[in-house]
Each structure stands twice: as C-alpha cells, then as structure tokens.
Amino acid sequence: MQPASQREEAQREEKTGVPSMRVNWQLKTIWPVAVVLLAGMLLFLLSTVSLKDTERHRVLVIAGAGAVAICGVVIVALASTFQRPLIELQEQIERVGEGDLSASVGFAKRNDEVGDLGRNFNRMVQQLRESRAEIEHLHRTQMSRAEHFATLGELAAGLAHEIRNPLAGIAGVIEIVGRDLPVSSPAKAVVKEVRQEIAQINRILTDLLETARPRAPEMRASDLNTTVEHTVMLARQQVLSKPIKIEFTPGLDLPEVEHDSDQIHQVLLNLLLNGVQAIEGSGTVRVTVFEQGTDAVVTVSDTGRGIAAEHLPNIFRPFYTTKGNGTGLGLSLARRIVEEHHGQIEVASSAGKGTTFTVLLPVRQPVATAS
C-alpha cells in the first residue's frame, strides 16, 4: 500500500495533469550499504582494544587504507548515482531555458527515484512542446484572420465607392418613374420590388463595411433585458404572417450590464432572423436571459432544420453561408461585436433538431490598462 503522501501526490498529478518533481534521495541501495559499513567499522574498532600498541598501529594503518579505498568506491558510486544525472539534468534545463524543447534526459529509464525525476522532467518538456505548438497554431490563426480583415477592408472601401454611387442614381430614377406612373399601372408593383432590392443591396454594403471597418462599442451600464426585449419585438414584426412564435424569458434580478445596446441589438436580431429562416412551416424561437457567474447569458434557440456538423466549424467565417440568398457576413459580424465586448458566442446544433446560439457578456467590462 502507498503511503498517504504518495497517494495524495498521485491524485494531485492526475487532477492537474502536471507531473510532480518528486525526488526521494533515500535510495533503496544506499541505506543498506551504509548500515553494513558502519556496523563493520564499529566491530573492527572494538576488536582492536585488546591488541598491543604496535599491532594496533598496523591494524589502524591497514584499516585507514581500507577506509580510503571504500571511500573511493563510495564516491565513484555516488558520482554514478547522483552527480552525472544531476549534471545531465542541469544541461538539459539550460537547453530548455534557451528554447530548445527537444531536450530530454537519458537516465529516465532507471528504475529508482532518480529515474522518476528523469521521467517527470521528460513529461514536463513534452507538455511544454505541446503547449507551444498549440500557441503557435492559435497565433497563425489570429494572424490569418487579421490579414483577412485587412484585405476585406480594402475590398469594402472599393465596393462602397463603385457600387453606391451608381446605385444612388438608379434609386433616383426609380423614384421619378414611380411618381410619373398612373396609379392603376401594373408597373407600380415592379417599381416597389426594385426599391426593395436597392434597399437590400444597401444593407449588404453596410454589413460589409461594418465587418471590415468596425465601430468601437460605446459601453454603458444598462438593462440587458430591455435591449433583448426591443430586439424580440422587432423580430415579431417579421413573422406576423407566419406560424412562428418568438418567446422571451427575461432574466430575474439581472444587474445592469455594460454593453453597447445598438450593437448587441444587431447581434441578437441577426440570430433571431436566422432562427426564423431555419424554420420550415410552424415552429418556435425561444430567447432566454439569465446570469451565470460574472456573465450575463442570452440564448436563442429555434426548432428549425439545424446545421450539419460539417458546417458548424465554419459558420462564423466571413462570406461562408449555407443559405442560397445569404451573404455570409451576419454571423461573422456578430462574433466580432461579441468579442469586442470581451464575451463569447457559442453554437450547438444537430440536423433536424434545431440550433441554439449562446451569447456570454461580462456584466462588468475589464478595466483598460495603459500600454
């Protein structure tokens, strides 16, 4: 049975995943040898008491020479057992300190406490290697996103200039044509549809510009329930002619949340309309607000067709869409806004069973520190 201290250490290592640097210097092979040598020396000294001075002198000389020889053997044994592994360990620690995470010690194969030290060191370096690889992967991902948004900004500026100017001219001509048409003319309906399409193009350009050149959020402590309720009321106007219900459950005793109400309104409206569009026929979209630790949480759940597993990792990417008439900018913009609020947006979905988006916003924004 393991001692209590060793059991606690093993449990702590299993819980944290970090190997403990335990070293028990009471090696099993050292203590028996030391005890035997000490007992032998005592017996030897007792046996010289009855000898004459000259004989005792010779015996002590011989004993001294033997002691020197034994000390030499012990020193060599200690050097092999302790000094060489410690020197090797020191060299490998210096390599790790210089950034070389391929370092490892060879004495990890030993079946004693020194071997335990070597194995723990090798496991620690392996964990450092894995952590560094993960950090490098995240860094490359963030750099790729930054480059992508920089390119998107240049594209958006060009589109805004090249499309909006002629679009404004088209809209003006359509207004003139619409006024000149007789009230009974069937072309009136066509003019109305053209106006709607022009408005849709303007909305797409606005989303593109906001994604590429985002406005910094204006944080104010206010009632998040009110922000969500206004969004729900607006979304309900979109489904008056459809057999779809939008249910809202406000958060009880929710403190004021520091947020930009206009931007969060934009995020939630996008999620609500996505939920409505995902429902074929009748269905329900449920919006719930509650407090979780230091975060305020808003969930938007629908009973629609859901999102296939292969699409889930990509739905927040700009221009990625599973809808035939979508731009792929709505969810990308939503994630950017939530992240600028120091929050998170998560999604859970399965095909045919609906989708749930979860928005987590800190009740209090972190205090900005001067760089």
Protein backbone atom coordinates (compact mmCIF):
# COMPACT_ATOMS: atom_id res chain seq x y z
CA MET A 1 0.00 0.00 0.00
CA GLN A 2 1.26 3.50 -0.90
CA PRO A 3 1.92 5.97 1.92
CA ALA A 4 -0.69 8.72 2.28
CA SER A 5 1.72 11.39 0.99
CA GLN A 6 2.42 9.43 -2.19
CA ARG A 7 -1.31 8.80 -2.76
CA GLU A 8 -2.08 12.50 -2.37
CA GLU A 9 0.76 13.36 -4.76
CA ALA A 10 -0.50 10.88 -7.36
CA GLN A 11 -4.04 12.26 -7.06
CA ARG A 12 -2.75 15.83 -7.46
CA GLU A 13 -0.74 14.83 -10.55
CA GLU A 14 -3.77 13.09 -12.09
CA LYS A 15 -6.03 16.08 -11.38
CA THR A 16 -3.74 18.80 -12.67
CA GLY A 17 -2.04 16.85 -15.46
CA VAL A 18 1.33 18.25 -14.38
CA PRO A 19 3.91 15.70 -13.25
CA SER A 20 5.33 16.38 -9.81
CA MET A 21 9.09 16.82 -9.47
CA ARG A 22 9.35 14.36 -6.55
CA VAL A 23 12.79 13.11 -5.60
CA ASN A 24 13.34 10.68 -2.73
CA TRP A 25 17.05 10.73 -2.00
CA GLN A 26 16.79 7.71 0.34
CA LEU A 27 17.69 5.27 -2.36
CA LYS A 28 16.99 1.66 -1.56
CA THR A 29 20.54 0.60 -2.41
CA ILE A 30 22.31 3.29 -0.33
CA TRP A 31 20.90 2.81 3.15
CA PRO A 32 21.64 -0.96 3.50
CA VAL A 33 25.25 -0.46 2.35
CA ALA A 34 25.75 2.47 4.73
CA VAL A 35 24.39 0.49 7.67
CA VAL A 36 26.59 -2.52 6.92
CA LEU A 37 29.73 -0.36 6.58
CA LEU A 38 29.00 1.49 9.84
CA ALA A 39 28.42 -1.74 11.74
CA GLY A 40 31.61 -3.24 10.33
CA MET A 41 33.67 -0.22 11.37
CA LEU A 42 32.31 -0.34 14.94
CA LEU A 43 33.05 -4.06 15.26
CA PHE A 44 36.52 -3.50 13.88
CA LEU A 45 37.32 -0.73 16.37
CA LEU A 46 36.06 -2.85 19.28
CA SER A 47 38.27 -5.76 18.20
CA THR A 48 41.44 -3.58 18.40
CA VAL A 49 41.01 -2.70 22.07
CA SER A 50 42.82 -5.83 23.35
CA LEU A 51 45.76 -5.52 20.90
CA LYS A 52 49.22 -4.12 21.68
CA ASP A 53 50.17 -0.64 20.55
CA THR A 54 52.36 -1.79 17.65
CA GLU A 55 49.80 -4.29 16.45
CA ARG A 56 47.03 -1.76 16.91
CA HIS A 57 49.05 0.75 14.87
CA ARG A 58 49.49 -1.69 11.97
CA VAL A 59 45.82 -2.63 12.07
CA LEU A 60 44.75 1.01 12.07
CA VAL A 61 47.04 1.76 9.12
CA ILE A 62 45.55 -1.12 7.20
CA ALA A 63 42.07 -0.04 8.27
CA GLY A 64 42.79 3.50 7.17
CA ALA A 65 43.94 2.31 3.76
CA GLY A 66 40.81 0.19 3.50
CA ALA A 67 38.64 3.12 4.54
CA VAL A 68 40.24 5.28 1.84
CA ALA A 69 39.57 2.56 -0.72
CA ILE A 70 35.99 2.21 0.46
CA CYS A 71 35.53 5.99 0.36
CA GLY A 72 36.82 5.99 -3.20
CA VAL A 73 34.35 3.29 -4.18
CA VAL A 74 31.52 5.16 -2.44
CA ILE A 75 32.49 8.41 -4.19
CA VAL A 76 32.51 6.69 -7.57
CA ALA A 77 29.14 5.09 -6.77
CA LEU A 78 27.67 8.42 -5.68
CA ALA A 79 29.05 10.13 -8.78
CA SER A 80 27.43 7.49 -10.96
CA THR A 81 24.20 7.55 -8.99
CA PHE A 82 23.74 11.29 -8.41
CA GLN A 83 26.34 13.59 -9.91
CA ARG A 84 26.18 12.51 -13.54
CA PRO A 85 22.36 12.58 -13.68
CA LEU A 86 22.31 15.98 -11.98
CA ILE A 87 24.89 17.37 -14.42
CA GLU A 88 22.89 15.99 -17.34
CA LEU A 89 19.67 17.41 -15.87
CA GLN A 90 21.30 20.83 -15.46
CA GLU A 91 22.50 20.79 -19.07
CA GLN A 92 19.02 19.87 -20.36
CA ILE A 93 17.38 22.56 -18.21
CA GLU A 94 19.74 25.12 -19.79
CA ARG A 95 18.66 23.89 -23.23
CA VAL A 96 15.01 24.30 -22.28
CA GLY A 97 15.76 27.79 -20.96
CA GLU A 98 17.24 28.66 -24.37
CA GLY A 99 14.06 27.50 -26.07
CA ASP A 100 15.16 24.04 -27.21
CA LEU A 101 12.18 21.83 -26.27
CA SER A 102 13.68 18.71 -27.83
CA ALA A 103 15.71 18.25 -24.64
CA SER A 104 15.39 15.01 -22.69
CA VAL A 105 17.43 13.07 -20.12
CA GLY A 106 18.71 9.55 -20.66
CA PHE A 107 18.53 8.40 -17.06
CA ALA A 108 14.71 8.30 -17.21
CA LYS A 109 14.99 4.55 -17.89
CA ARG A 110 16.40 3.88 -14.43
CA ASN A 111 14.09 2.05 -12.06
CA ASP A 112 14.65 4.22 -8.99
CA GLU A 113 13.88 7.69 -7.68
CA VAL A 114 16.44 9.32 -9.97
CA GLY A 115 14.66 7.61 -12.86
CA ASP A 116 11.38 9.08 -11.57
CA LEU A 117 12.98 12.52 -11.71
CA GLY A 118 14.08 11.93 -15.30
CA ARG A 119 10.65 10.68 -16.38
CA ASN A 120 8.92 13.65 -14.75
CA PHE A 121 11.32 16.04 -16.46
CA ASN A 122 10.76 14.44 -19.88
CA ARG A 123 6.97 14.56 -19.40
CA MET A 124 7.18 18.23 -18.41
CA VAL A 125 9.20 19.09 -21.53
CA GLN A 126 6.74 17.15 -23.69
CA GLN A 127 3.86 19.16 -22.25
CA LEU A 128 5.77 22.36 -22.96
CA ARG A 129 6.27 21.20 -26.57
CA GLU A 130 2.56 20.51 -26.96
CA SER A 131 1.60 23.83 -25.37
CA ARG A 132 4.00 25.75 -27.62
CA ALA A 133 2.63 24.00 -30.71
CA GLU A 134 -0.91 24.93 -29.69
CA ILE A 135 0.06 28.56 -29.05
CA GLU A 136 1.79 28.76 -32.44
CA HIS A 137 -1.31 27.32 -34.12
CA LEU A 138 -3.54 29.91 -32.41
CA HIS A 139 -1.11 32.68 -33.36
CA ARG A 140 -1.14 31.65 -37.02
CA THR A 141 -4.93 31.52 -36.95
CA GLN A 142 -5.18 35.03 -35.48
CA MET A 143 -2.65 36.41 -37.95
CA SER A 144 -4.58 34.83 -40.82
CA ARG A 145 -7.78 36.44 -39.56
CA ALA A 146 -6.06 39.82 -39.22
CA GLU A 147 -4.74 39.62 -42.80
CA HIS A 148 -8.16 38.52 -44.00
CA PHE A 149 -9.89 41.50 -42.39
CA ALA A 150 -7.27 43.89 -43.73
CA THR A 151 -7.95 42.65 -47.26
CA LEU A 152 -11.67 42.80 -46.58
CA GLY A 153 -11.35 46.44 -45.54
CA GLU A 154 -9.74 47.42 -48.83
CA LEU A 155 -12.38 45.46 -50.75
CA ALA A 156 -15.23 47.03 -48.80
CA ALA A 157 -13.99 50.57 -49.40
CA GLY A 158 -13.75 49.92 -53.13
CA LEU A 159 -17.21 48.35 -53.28
CA ALA A 160 -18.79 51.19 -51.36
CA HIS A 161 -17.41 53.71 -53.85
CA GLU A 162 -18.01 51.71 -57.03
CA ILE A 163 -21.50 50.44 -56.20
CA ARG A 164 -23.21 53.02 -54.01
CA ASN A 165 -22.73 55.97 -56.36
CA PRO A 166 -24.43 54.37 -59.39
CA LEU A 167 -26.94 52.74 -57.05
CA ALA A 168 -27.98 56.16 -55.78
CA GLY A 169 -28.55 57.25 -59.38
CA ILE A 170 -30.68 54.18 -60.08
CA ALA A 171 -32.72 54.81 -56.92
CA GLY A 172 -33.35 58.44 -58.01
CA VAL A 173 -34.52 57.36 -61.47
CA ILE A 174 -36.85 54.74 -59.96
CA GLU A 175 -38.40 57.40 -57.70
CA ILE A 176 -39.07 59.65 -60.69
CA VAL A 177 -40.52 56.78 -62.74
CA GLY A 178 -42.70 55.71 -59.81
CA ARG A 179 -44.17 59.19 -59.42
CA ASP A 180 -44.93 59.51 -63.13
CA LEU A 181 -46.71 56.15 -63.44
CA PRO A 182 -50.52 56.13 -63.24
CA VAL A 183 -51.96 54.77 -60.02
CA SER A 184 -53.60 51.87 -61.87
CA SER A 185 -50.42 50.90 -63.73
CA PRO A 186 -49.23 47.30 -63.06
CA ALA A 187 -45.67 48.62 -63.23
CA LYS A 188 -46.21 50.18 -59.77
CA ALA A 189 -45.61 46.75 -58.19
CA VAL A 190 -42.42 46.31 -60.20
CA VAL A 191 -41.13 49.70 -59.03
CA LYS A 192 -41.83 48.69 -55.41
CA GLU A 193 -39.85 45.48 -55.84
CA VAL A 194 -36.94 47.39 -57.38
CA ARG A 195 -36.92 49.74 -54.38
CA GLN A 196 -36.76 46.74 -52.04
CA GLU A 197 -33.87 45.23 -53.98
CA ILE A 198 -31.98 48.54 -53.85
CA ALA A 199 -32.52 48.65 -50.09
CA GLN A 200 -31.25 45.07 -49.81
CA ILE A 201 -28.06 45.96 -51.73
CA ASN A 202 -27.52 48.92 -49.40
CA ARG A 203 -27.90 46.66 -46.36
CA ILE A 204 -25.36 44.22 -47.77
CA LEU A 205 -22.87 47.03 -48.37
CA THR A 206 -23.46 48.34 -44.84
CA ASP A 207 -22.80 44.91 -43.33
CA LEU A 208 -19.67 44.57 -45.41
CA LEU A 209 -18.35 47.96 -44.28
CA GLU A 210 -19.16 47.28 -40.63
CA THR A 211 -17.40 43.93 -40.82
CA ALA A 212 -14.31 45.37 -42.44
CA ARG A 213 -14.13 48.66 -40.58
CA PRO A 214 -15.86 48.06 -37.25
CA ARG A 215 -17.00 50.85 -34.95
CA ALA A 216 -15.71 50.58 -31.40
CA PRO A 217 -18.54 49.75 -28.98
CA GLU A 218 -19.79 52.53 -26.70
CA MET A 219 -20.13 50.77 -23.35
CA ARG A 220 -22.86 51.87 -20.97
CA ALA A 221 -24.31 50.10 -17.95
CA SER A 222 -27.95 49.46 -18.85
CA ASP A 223 -30.70 46.86 -18.64
CA LEU A 224 -29.84 43.97 -20.96
CA ASN A 225 -33.42 42.68 -20.65
CA THR A 226 -34.64 45.89 -22.29
CA THR A 227 -32.17 45.55 -25.16
CA VAL A 228 -33.25 41.95 -25.78
CA GLU A 229 -36.95 42.76 -25.46
CA HIS A 230 -36.75 45.52 -28.08
CA THR A 231 -35.00 43.09 -30.43
CA VAL A 232 -37.68 40.45 -29.86
CA MET A 233 -40.45 42.97 -30.55
CA LEU A 234 -38.83 43.93 -33.85
CA ALA A 235 -38.35 40.29 -34.85
CA ARG A 236 -42.00 39.52 -34.07
CA GLN A 237 -43.00 42.10 -36.69
CA GLN A 238 -41.17 39.98 -39.26
CA VAL A 239 -43.23 36.86 -38.53
CA LEU A 240 -46.74 38.29 -38.22
CA SER A 241 -47.83 36.40 -41.33
CA LYS A 242 -46.03 33.16 -40.39
CA PRO A 243 -46.98 30.35 -37.96
CA ILE A 244 -43.85 31.04 -35.90
CA LYS A 245 -43.80 32.11 -32.25
CA ILE A 246 -40.99 34.06 -30.63
CA GLU A 247 -40.93 33.56 -26.86
CA PHE A 248 -38.93 35.74 -24.46
CA THR A 249 -37.93 34.90 -20.87
CA PRO A 250 -36.16 37.83 -19.17
CA GLY A 251 -33.51 37.37 -16.53
CA LEU A 252 -34.73 37.87 -12.96
CA ASP A 253 -32.65 40.13 -10.70
CA LEU A 254 -30.16 40.66 -13.52
CA PRO A 255 -27.82 43.58 -12.74
CA GLU A 256 -27.13 46.28 -15.28
CA VAL A 257 -24.72 45.04 -17.93
CA GLU A 258 -22.05 47.20 -19.55
CA HIS A 259 -22.72 46.92 -23.29
CA ASP A 260 -23.41 48.83 -26.49
CA SER A 261 -27.15 48.33 -26.83
CA ASP A 262 -27.21 49.12 -30.56
CA GLN A 263 -24.51 46.57 -31.38
CA ILE A 264 -25.96 43.83 -29.14
CA HIS A 265 -29.36 44.55 -30.70
CA GLN A 266 -27.76 43.96 -34.10
CA VAL A 267 -26.22 40.66 -32.93
CA LEU A 268 -29.46 39.31 -31.45
CA LEU A 269 -31.60 40.43 -34.37
CA ASN A 270 -29.30 38.54 -36.72
CA LEU A 271 -29.57 35.40 -34.57
CA LEU A 272 -33.35 35.72 -34.31
CA LEU A 273 -33.87 36.17 -38.05
CA ASN A 274 -31.54 33.24 -38.75
CA GLY A 275 -33.67 31.14 -36.42
CA VAL A 276 -36.86 32.23 -38.16
CA GLN A 277 -35.41 31.44 -41.59
CA ALA A 278 -34.34 27.98 -40.39
CA ILE A 279 -37.94 27.03 -39.53
CA GLU A 280 -39.95 25.48 -42.34
CA GLY A 281 -43.64 25.80 -41.54
CA SER A 282 -44.61 26.28 -37.90
CA GLY A 283 -42.12 26.48 -35.07
CA THR A 284 -40.78 28.43 -32.11
CA VAL A 285 -37.81 30.63 -31.38
CA ARG A 286 -37.05 30.98 -27.66
CA VAL A 287 -34.94 33.78 -26.22
CA THR A 288 -33.75 33.48 -22.62
CA VAL A 289 -31.69 35.83 -20.47
CA PHE A 290 -30.02 34.80 -17.21
CA GLU A 291 -26.97 35.43 -15.06
CA GLN A 292 -24.13 32.92 -14.85
CA GLY A 293 -21.26 33.79 -12.55
CA THR A 294 -19.80 37.10 -13.73
CA ASP A 295 -21.52 36.85 -17.13
CA ALA A 296 -24.93 37.71 -18.49
CA VAL A 297 -26.10 34.99 -20.89
CA VAL A 298 -28.55 35.26 -23.79
CA THR A 299 -29.63 32.07 -25.56
CA VAL A 300 -31.50 32.00 -28.89
CA SER A 301 -32.95 28.56 -29.66
CA ASP A 302 -35.04 27.55 -32.64
CA THR A 303 -36.87 24.41 -33.68
CA GLY A 304 -35.65 24.65 -37.27
CA ARG A 305 -33.74 22.33 -39.54
CA GLY A 306 -30.44 22.70 -37.67
CA ILE A 307 -26.91 22.94 -39.00
CA ALA A 308 -24.98 19.95 -40.31
CA ALA A 309 -21.90 19.00 -38.30
CA GLU A 310 -19.53 19.68 -41.21
CA HIS A 311 -20.73 23.31 -41.43
CA LEU A 312 -20.51 24.20 -37.72
CA PRO A 313 -16.74 24.98 -37.62
CA ASN A 314 -17.12 27.48 -40.49
CA ILE A 315 -20.35 29.39 -39.81
CA PHE A 316 -18.54 32.38 -38.23
CA ARG A 317 -16.18 32.82 -41.19
CA PRO A 318 -16.82 35.86 -43.42
CA PHE A 319 -18.70 35.03 -46.65
CA TYR A 320 -19.43 31.46 -45.50
CA THR A 321 -23.13 30.74 -45.80
CA THR A 322 -25.41 27.71 -46.07
CA LYS A 323 -28.29 29.84 -47.38
CA GLY A 324 -28.69 30.41 -51.09
CA ASN A 325 -29.50 34.12 -50.67
CA GLY A 326 -27.17 34.85 -47.73
CA THR A 327 -24.04 37.00 -47.74
CA GLY A 328 -22.19 35.09 -45.01
CA LEU A 329 -21.45 38.31 -43.13
CA GLY A 330 -24.09 38.27 -40.38
CA LEU A 331 -22.56 35.71 -38.03
CA SER A 332 -19.03 36.95 -38.70
CA LEU A 333 -20.09 40.45 -37.69
CA ALA A 334 -21.95 39.08 -34.65
CA ARG A 335 -18.86 37.27 -33.39
CA ARG A 336 -16.68 40.35 -33.85
CA ILE A 337 -19.11 42.51 -31.86
CA VAL A 338 -19.37 39.98 -29.02
CA GLU A 339 -15.58 39.57 -28.87
CA GLU A 340 -15.16 43.35 -28.69
CA HIS A 341 -17.46 43.18 -25.65
CA HIS A 342 -14.92 40.67 -24.20
CA GLY A 343 -17.58 37.99 -24.48
CA GLN A 344 -18.11 34.74 -26.32
CA ILE A 345 -20.63 33.37 -28.78
CA GLU A 346 -21.20 29.63 -28.99
CA VAL A 347 -23.40 27.39 -31.10
CA ALA A 348 -24.86 23.92 -30.61
CA SER A 349 -26.88 22.25 -33.34
CA SER A 350 -27.81 18.98 -34.95
CA ALA A 351 -29.53 18.43 -38.27
CA GLY A 352 -33.30 18.28 -37.92
CA LYS A 353 -33.32 19.21 -34.21
CA GLY A 354 -32.78 22.96 -34.21
CA THR A 355 -29.98 25.29 -33.20
CA THR A 356 -29.02 27.16 -30.03
CA PHE A 357 -26.77 30.21 -30.03
CA THR A 358 -25.38 31.31 -26.66
CA VAL A 359 -24.01 34.82 -26.15
CA LEU A 360 -21.99 35.43 -22.97
CA LEU A 361 -21.30 39.03 -21.99
CA PRO A 362 -19.35 40.11 -18.89
CA VAL A 363 -21.54 42.13 -16.53
CA ARG A 364 -18.58 44.46 -15.97
CA GLN A 365 -16.07 45.18 -18.69
CA PRO A 366 -12.40 44.71 -17.75
CA VAL A 367 -10.59 47.90 -16.86
CA ALA A 368 -8.34 49.04 -19.71
CA THR A 369 -4.67 49.28 -18.77
CA ALA A 370 -2.30 51.81 -20.28
CA SER A 371 0.28 50.18 -22.53
